[in-house]
């Protein structure tokens, strides 16, 4: 069993926030790959499915971002999932909009969801899919920016990015992060004649 976690906040009014791109990515993956309906479990919403023959538990913590680790730790403990089997999808201010990077371990870089997971798992050595949302330009504007909704114009990069993540999910599941990033990037390139 692998655990794929999308980070976000549970309030319905926050559903389109930039901070919720992790939820969005996991939703598209679950839909595209025919996962079970979402149900309450582990202080979150869970859906089960398989990608490329590998069993995956998708988890959206309903604890609010700052306590995401509680839901992740509960699922990891129940299924005895090694850190190498955990992938967290989250918003990344330090990447341009639509850029996607995968890495294992590292610091939380001010991201409260990652900070909570690091603390609850007592290690930062899990996989992260960093979904670029861009930076508002000044640190004083970060909170309002991440808690603001994606603008209509941003859908031009957001939707292809989410499609790419879902379509390339098998590469992620089979631990081919470089190929995954290349495939997602191809979705972001302008199409011929457009």
C-alpha atoms as a PDB file:
ATOM      1  CA  UNK A   1       0.000   0.000   0.000  1.00  0.00           C
ATOM      2  CA  UNK A   2       1.258   3.457  -0.944  1.00  0.00           C
ATOM      3  CA  UNK A   3      -0.046   6.683   0.560  1.00  0.00           C
ATOM      4  CA  UNK A   4      -0.612   9.698  -1.666  1.00  0.00           C
ATOM      5  CA  UNK A   5      -1.546  12.851   0.251  1.00  0.00           C
ATOM      6  CA  UNK A   6      -2.979  16.054  -1.170  1.00  0.00           C
ATOM      7  CA  UNK A   7      -2.628  19.118   1.051  1.00  0.00           C
ATOM      8  CA  UNK A   8      -5.304  21.770   1.429  1.00  0.00           C
ATOM      9  CA  UNK A   9      -7.887  23.234   3.770  1.00  0.00           C
ATOM     10  CA  UNK A  10     -11.332  21.638   4.248  1.00  0.00           C
ATOM     11  CA  UNK A  11     -13.632  24.677   4.206  1.00  0.00           C
ATOM     12  CA  UNK A  12     -15.864  24.646   1.088  1.00  0.00           C
ATOM     13  CA  UNK A  13     -15.126  28.352   0.588  1.00  0.00           C
ATOM     14  CA  UNK A  14     -11.407  27.531   0.306  1.00  0.00           C
ATOM     15  CA  UNK A  15     -11.790  24.874  -2.398  1.00  0.00           C
ATOM     16  CA  UNK A  16     -10.357  27.086  -5.169  1.00  0.00           C
ATOM     17  CA  UNK A  17      -7.518  28.569  -3.044  1.00  0.00           C
ATOM     18  CA  UNK A  18      -3.966  28.289  -4.390  1.00  0.00           C
ATOM     19  CA  UNK A  19      -3.096  26.538  -1.106  1.00  0.00           C
ATOM     20  CA  UNK A  20      -5.494  23.721  -2.125  1.00  0.00           C
ATOM     21  CA  UNK A  21      -3.737  22.686  -5.334  1.00  0.00           C
ATOM     22  CA  UNK A  22      -2.669  19.479  -3.545  1.00  0.00           C
ATOM     23  CA  UNK A  23      -6.337  18.557  -3.012  1.00  0.00           C
ATOM     24  CA  UNK A  24      -7.041  19.428  -6.644  1.00  0.00           C
ATOM     25  CA  UNK A  25      -4.230  17.222  -7.962  1.00  0.00           C
ATOM     26  CA  UNK A  26      -5.323  14.241  -5.873  1.00  0.00           C
ATOM     27  CA  UNK A  27      -8.961  14.700  -6.957  1.00  0.00           C
ATOM     28  CA  UNK A  28      -7.998  14.598 -10.638  1.00  0.00           C
ATOM     29  CA  UNK A  29      -5.771  11.541 -10.094  1.00  0.00           C
ATOM     30  CA  UNK A  30      -8.526   9.685  -8.199  1.00  0.00           C
ATOM     31  CA  UNK A  31     -11.110  10.514 -10.877  1.00  0.00           C
ATOM     32  CA  UNK A  32      -8.851   9.662 -13.813  1.00  0.00           C
ATOM     33  CA  UNK A  33      -7.787   6.326 -12.349  1.00  0.00           C
ATOM     34  CA  UNK A  34     -11.194   5.193 -11.077  1.00  0.00           C
ATOM     35  CA  UNK A  35     -10.531   5.273  -7.333  1.00  0.00           C
ATOM     36  CA  UNK A  36     -13.312   4.403  -4.881  1.00  0.00           C
ATOM     37  CA  UNK A  37     -15.612   7.180  -3.611  1.00  0.00           C
ATOM     38  CA  UNK A  38     -14.121   9.405  -0.896  1.00  0.00           C
ATOM     39  CA  UNK A  39     -14.994   8.394   2.677  1.00  0.00           C
ATOM     40  CA  UNK A  40     -14.052   9.675   6.115  1.00  0.00           C
ATOM     41  CA  UNK A  41     -11.048   7.992   7.686  1.00  0.00           C
ATOM     42  CA  UNK A  42      -7.783   8.978   9.416  1.00  0.00           C
ATOM     43  CA  UNK A  43      -8.966  12.544  10.178  1.00  0.00           C
ATOM     44  CA  UNK A  44      -9.461  13.027   6.464  1.00  0.00           C
ATOM     45  CA  UNK A  45     -11.141  11.822   3.313  1.00  0.00           C
ATOM     46  CA  UNK A  46      -9.743   8.669   1.720  1.00  0.00           C
ATOM     47  CA  UNK A  47     -10.187   6.964  -1.631  1.00  0.00           C
ATOM     48  CA  UNK A  48      -8.546   3.709  -2.694  1.00  0.00           C
ATOM     49  CA  UNK A  49      -7.403   2.624  -6.103  1.00  0.00           C
ATOM     50  CA  UNK A  50      -4.538   1.232  -8.074  1.00  0.00           C
ATOM     51  CA  UNK A  51      -2.204   2.735 -10.616  1.00  0.00           C
ATOM     52  CA  UNK A  52      -0.051   0.475 -12.759  1.00  0.00           C
ATOM     53  CA  UNK A  53      -0.982  -2.450 -10.491  1.00  0.00           C
ATOM     54  CA  UNK A  54       0.118  -0.689  -7.290  1.00  0.00           C
ATOM     55  CA  UNK A  55      -2.434  -0.188  -4.505  1.00  0.00           C
ATOM     56  CA  UNK A  56      -2.729   3.446  -3.453  1.00  0.00           C
ATOM     57  CA  UNK A  57      -4.589   5.134  -0.620  1.00  0.00           C
ATOM     58  CA  UNK A  58      -5.356   8.753  -1.511  1.00  0.00           C
ATOM     59  CA  UNK A  59      -5.755  10.994   1.548  1.00  0.00           C
ATOM     60  CA  UNK A  60      -6.997  14.560   1.873  1.00  0.00           C
ATOM     61  CA  UNK A  61      -6.446  15.628   5.512  1.00  0.00           C
ATOM     62  CA  UNK A  62      -9.473  17.471   6.909  1.00  0.00           C
ATOM     63  CA  UNK A  63      -7.482  18.863   9.843  1.00  0.00           C
ATOM     64  CA  UNK A  64      -6.583  22.181   8.185  1.00  0.00           C
ATOM     65  CA  UNK A  65      -3.146  22.645   6.716  1.00  0.00           C
ATOM     66  CA  UNK A  66      -1.302  23.273   9.994  1.00  0.00           C
ATOM     67  CA  UNK A  67      -2.287  19.844  11.389  1.00  0.00           C
ATOM     68  CA  UNK A  68      -1.994  17.764   8.202  1.00  0.00           C
ATOM     69  CA  UNK A  69       0.573  15.502   9.832  1.00  0.00           C
ATOM     70  CA  UNK A  70      -2.010  14.060  12.234  1.00  0.00           C
ATOM     71  CA  UNK A  71      -3.974  12.500   9.361  1.00  0.00           C
ATOM     72  CA  UNK A  72      -0.823  11.350   7.551  1.00  0.00           C
ATOM     73  CA  UNK A  73       0.655   9.774  10.680  1.00  0.00           C
ATOM     74  CA  UNK A  74      -2.596   7.902  11.421  1.00  0.00           C
ATOM     75  CA  UNK A  75      -2.692   6.356   7.924  1.00  0.00           C
ATOM     76  CA  UNK A  76       1.042   5.540   7.940  1.00  0.00           C
ATOM     77  CA  UNK A  77       0.746   3.829  11.341  1.00  0.00           C
ATOM     78  CA  UNK A  78      -2.381   1.840  10.425  1.00  0.00           C
ATOM     79  CA  UNK A  79      -0.967   0.446   7.165  1.00  0.00           C
ATOM     80  CA  UNK A  80       2.679   0.404   8.334  1.00  0.00           C
ATOM     81  CA  UNK A  81       3.676   2.375   5.246  1.00  0.00           C
ATOM     82  CA  UNK A  82       7.391   3.142   4.978  1.00  0.00           C
ATOM     83  CA  UNK A  83       8.350   6.770   4.362  1.00  0.00           C
ATOM     84  CA  UNK A  84       9.490   5.773   0.872  1.00  0.00           C
ATOM     85  CA  UNK A  85       5.844   4.887   0.133  1.00  0.00           C
ATOM     86  CA  UNK A  86       4.476   8.333   1.043  1.00  0.00           C
ATOM     87  CA  UNK A  87       4.011  11.043  -1.596  1.00  0.00           C
ATOM     88  CA  UNK A  88       2.697  14.496  -0.629  1.00  0.00           C
ATOM     89  CA  UNK A  89       1.266  16.880  -3.268  1.00  0.00           C
ATOM     90  CA  UNK A  90       1.516  20.530  -2.192  1.00  0.00           C
ATOM     91  CA  UNK A  91       1.632  24.117  -3.392  1.00  0.00           C
ATOM     92  CA  UNK A  92       5.083  25.601  -3.921  1.00  0.00           C
ATOM     93  CA  UNK A  93       5.669  29.364  -3.888  1.00  0.00           C
ATOM     94  CA  UNK A  94       9.264  29.036  -5.093  1.00  0.00           C
ATOM     95  CA  UNK A  95       8.295  27.471  -8.427  1.00  0.00           C
ATOM     96  CA  UNK A  96       6.771  29.306 -11.370  1.00  0.00           C
ATOM     97  CA  UNK A  97       3.076  28.623 -11.959  1.00  0.00           C
ATOM     98  CA  UNK A  98       2.613  25.200 -13.540  1.00  0.00           C
ATOM     99  CA  UNK A  99       6.140  23.976 -12.854  1.00  0.00           C
ATOM    100  CA  UNK A 100       6.212  20.604 -11.103  1.00  0.00           C
ATOM    101  CA  UNK A 101       9.171  19.132  -9.251  1.00  0.00           C
ATOM    102  CA  UNK A 102       9.504  15.873  -7.347  1.00  0.00           C
ATOM    103  CA  UNK A 103      11.990  15.406  -4.550  1.00  0.00           C
ATOM    104  CA  UNK A 104      12.543  13.216  -1.554  1.00  0.00           C
ATOM    105  CA  UNK A 105      13.125  14.854   1.801  1.00  0.00           C
ATOM    106  CA  UNK A 106      14.245  18.406   2.388  1.00  0.00           C
ATOM    107  CA  UNK A 107      13.037  21.266   4.507  1.00  0.00           C
ATOM    108  CA  UNK A 108       9.505  22.584   4.911  1.00  0.00           C
ATOM    109  CA  UNK A 109      10.466  26.003   3.456  1.00  0.00           C
ATOM    110  CA  UNK A 110       7.819  27.733   5.561  1.00  0.00           C
ATOM    111  CA  UNK A 111       5.025  25.382   4.424  1.00  0.00           C
ATOM    112  CA  UNK A 112       2.971  24.602   7.530  1.00  0.00           C
ATOM    113  CA  UNK A 113       1.501  21.417   6.067  1.00  0.00           C
ATOM    114  CA  UNK A 114       4.959  19.970   5.424  1.00  0.00           C
ATOM    115  CA  UNK A 115       6.164  21.172   8.830  1.00  0.00           C
ATOM    116  CA  UNK A 116       3.295  19.289  10.503  1.00  0.00           C
ATOM    117  CA  UNK A 117       3.988  16.104   8.507  1.00  0.00           C
ATOM    118  CA  UNK A 118       7.725  16.288   9.287  1.00  0.00           C
ATOM    119  CA  UNK A 119       6.920  16.570  13.013  1.00  0.00           C
ATOM    120  CA  UNK A 120       4.312  13.792  13.091  1.00  0.00           C
ATOM    121  CA  UNK A 121       6.422  11.349  11.059  1.00  0.00           C
ATOM    122  CA  UNK A 122       9.587  12.425  12.931  1.00  0.00           C
ATOM    123  CA  UNK A 123      11.317  12.651   9.549  1.00  0.00           C
ATOM    124  CA  UNK A 124      11.254  14.707   6.347  1.00  0.00           C
ATOM    125  CA  UNK A 125      12.270  11.681   4.232  1.00  0.00           C
ATOM    126  CA  UNK A 126       9.077  11.186   2.220  1.00  0.00           C
ATOM    127  CA  UNK A 127       8.420  12.143  -1.407  1.00  0.00           C
ATOM    128  CA  UNK A 128       7.007  15.544  -2.314  1.00  0.00           C
ATOM    129  CA  UNK A 129       5.373  16.660  -5.543  1.00  0.00           C
ATOM    130  CA  UNK A 130       5.894  20.417  -5.526  1.00  0.00           C
ATOM    131  CA  UNK A 131       3.203  22.138  -7.589  1.00  0.00           C
ATOM    132  CA  UNK A 132       4.333  25.641  -8.550  1.00  0.00           C
ATOM    133  CA  UNK A 133       1.899  28.486  -7.901  1.00  0.00           C
ATOM    134  CA  UNK A 134       4.401  31.351  -8.184  1.00  0.00           C
ATOM    135  CA  UNK A 135       5.208  33.971  -5.572  1.00  0.00           C
ATOM    136  CA  UNK A 136       3.295  37.223  -4.993  1.00  0.00           C
ATOM    137  CA  UNK A 137       6.562  39.162  -4.867  1.00  0.00           C
ATOM    138  CA  UNK A 138       6.842  40.042  -1.197  1.00  0.00           C
ATOM    139  CA  UNK A 139       6.684  37.871   1.926  1.00  0.00           C
ATOM    140  CA  UNK A 140       4.034  40.137   3.490  1.00  0.00           C
ATOM    141  CA  UNK A 141       1.646  39.180   0.682  1.00  0.00           C
ATOM    142  CA  UNK A 142       2.136  35.382   0.916  1.00  0.00           C
ATOM    143  CA  UNK A 143      -0.755  34.539   3.275  1.00  0.00           C
ATOM    144  CA  UNK A 144      -3.337  36.435   1.243  1.00  0.00           C
ATOM    145  CA  UNK A 145      -1.932  34.995  -1.963  1.00  0.00           C
ATOM    146  CA  UNK A 146      -1.997  31.308  -0.978  1.00  0.00           C
ATOM    147  CA  UNK A 147      -5.435  31.699   0.642  1.00  0.00           C
ATOM    148  CA  UNK A 148      -6.753  33.511  -2.435  1.00  0.00           C
ATOM    149  CA  UNK A 149      -8.596  31.728  -5.242  1.00  0.00           C
ATOM    150  CA  UNK A 150      -6.950  30.958  -8.548  1.00  0.00           C
ATOM    151  CA  UNK A 151      -7.861  33.717 -10.994  1.00  0.00           C
ATOM    152  CA  UNK A 152      -9.715  32.766 -14.174  1.00  0.00           C
ATOM    153  CA  UNK A 153      -6.598  33.532 -16.251  1.00  0.00           C
ATOM    154  CA  UNK A 154      -4.593  31.044 -14.153  1.00  0.00           C
ATOM    155  CA  UNK A 155      -6.796  28.178 -15.337  1.00  0.00           C
ATOM    156  CA  UNK A 156      -4.818  28.339 -18.614  1.00  0.00           C
ATOM    157  CA  UNK A 157      -1.859  26.729 -16.829  1.00  0.00           C
ATOM    158  CA  UNK A 158      -3.618  25.076 -13.866  1.00  0.00           C
ATOM    159  CA  UNK A 159      -5.868  22.705 -15.819  1.00  0.00           C
ATOM    160  CA  UNK A 160      -3.122  21.373 -18.148  1.00  0.00           C
ATOM    161  CA  UNK A 161      -0.848  20.978 -15.113  1.00  0.00           C
ATOM    162  CA  UNK A 162      -3.440  18.902 -13.216  1.00  0.00           C
ATOM    163  CA  UNK A 163      -4.162  16.850 -16.356  1.00  0.00           C
ATOM    164  CA  UNK A 164      -0.464  16.171 -16.780  1.00  0.00           C
ATOM    165  CA  UNK A 165      -0.055  15.089 -13.162  1.00  0.00           C
ATOM    166  CA  UNK A 166      -2.988  12.661 -13.459  1.00  0.00           C
ATOM    167  CA  UNK A 167      -1.901  11.253 -16.813  1.00  0.00           C
ATOM    168  CA  UNK A 168       1.695  10.768 -15.676  1.00  0.00           C
ATOM    169  CA  UNK A 169       0.724   9.244 -12.309  1.00  0.00           C
ATOM    170  CA  UNK A 170       1.921   5.753 -13.306  1.00  0.00           C
ATOM    171  CA  UNK A 171       5.460   7.124 -13.686  1.00  0.00           C
ATOM    172  CA  UNK A 172       5.234   8.488 -10.152  1.00  0.00           C
ATOM    173  CA  UNK A 173       3.794   5.232  -8.812  1.00  0.00           C
ATOM    174  CA  UNK A 174       6.660   3.241 -10.335  1.00  0.00           C
ATOM    175  CA  UNK A 175       9.243   5.660  -8.897  1.00  0.00           C
ATOM    176  CA  UNK A 176      10.349   7.307 -12.118  1.00  0.00           C
ATOM    177  CA  UNK A 177      10.277  10.947 -10.959  1.00  0.00           C
ATOM    178  CA  UNK A 178      12.403  12.338 -13.795  1.00  0.00           C
ATOM    179  CA  UNK A 179      10.116  10.812 -16.445  1.00  0.00           C
ATOM    180  CA  UNK A 180       7.083  12.035 -14.482  1.00  0.00           C
ATOM    181  CA  UNK A 181       8.375  15.627 -14.452  1.00  0.00           C
ATOM    182  CA  UNK A 182       9.196  15.476 -18.180  1.00  0.00           C
ATOM    183  CA  UNK A 183       5.722  14.171 -19.028  1.00  0.00           C
ATOM    184  CA  UNK A 184       3.984  16.850 -16.943  1.00  0.00           C
ATOM    185  CA  UNK A 185       6.162  19.555 -18.513  1.00  0.00           C
ATOM    186  CA  UNK A 186       5.046  18.409 -21.975  1.00  0.00           C
ATOM    187  CA  UNK A 187       1.459  19.310 -21.021  1.00  0.00           C
ATOM    188  CA  UNK A 188       2.568  22.857 -20.308  1.00  0.00           C
ATOM    189  CA  UNK A 189       4.118  23.461 -23.741  1.00  0.00           C
ATOM    190  CA  UNK A 190       2.125  25.448 -26.301  1.00  0.00           C
ATOM    191  CA  UNK A 191       0.496  23.125 -28.815  1.00  0.00           C
ATOM    192  CA  UNK A 192       1.325  23.488 -32.526  1.00  0.00           C
ATOM    193  CA  UNK A 193      -0.915  25.997 -34.222  1.00  0.00           C
ATOM    194  CA  UNK A 194      -2.317  27.354 -30.963  1.00  0.00           C
END
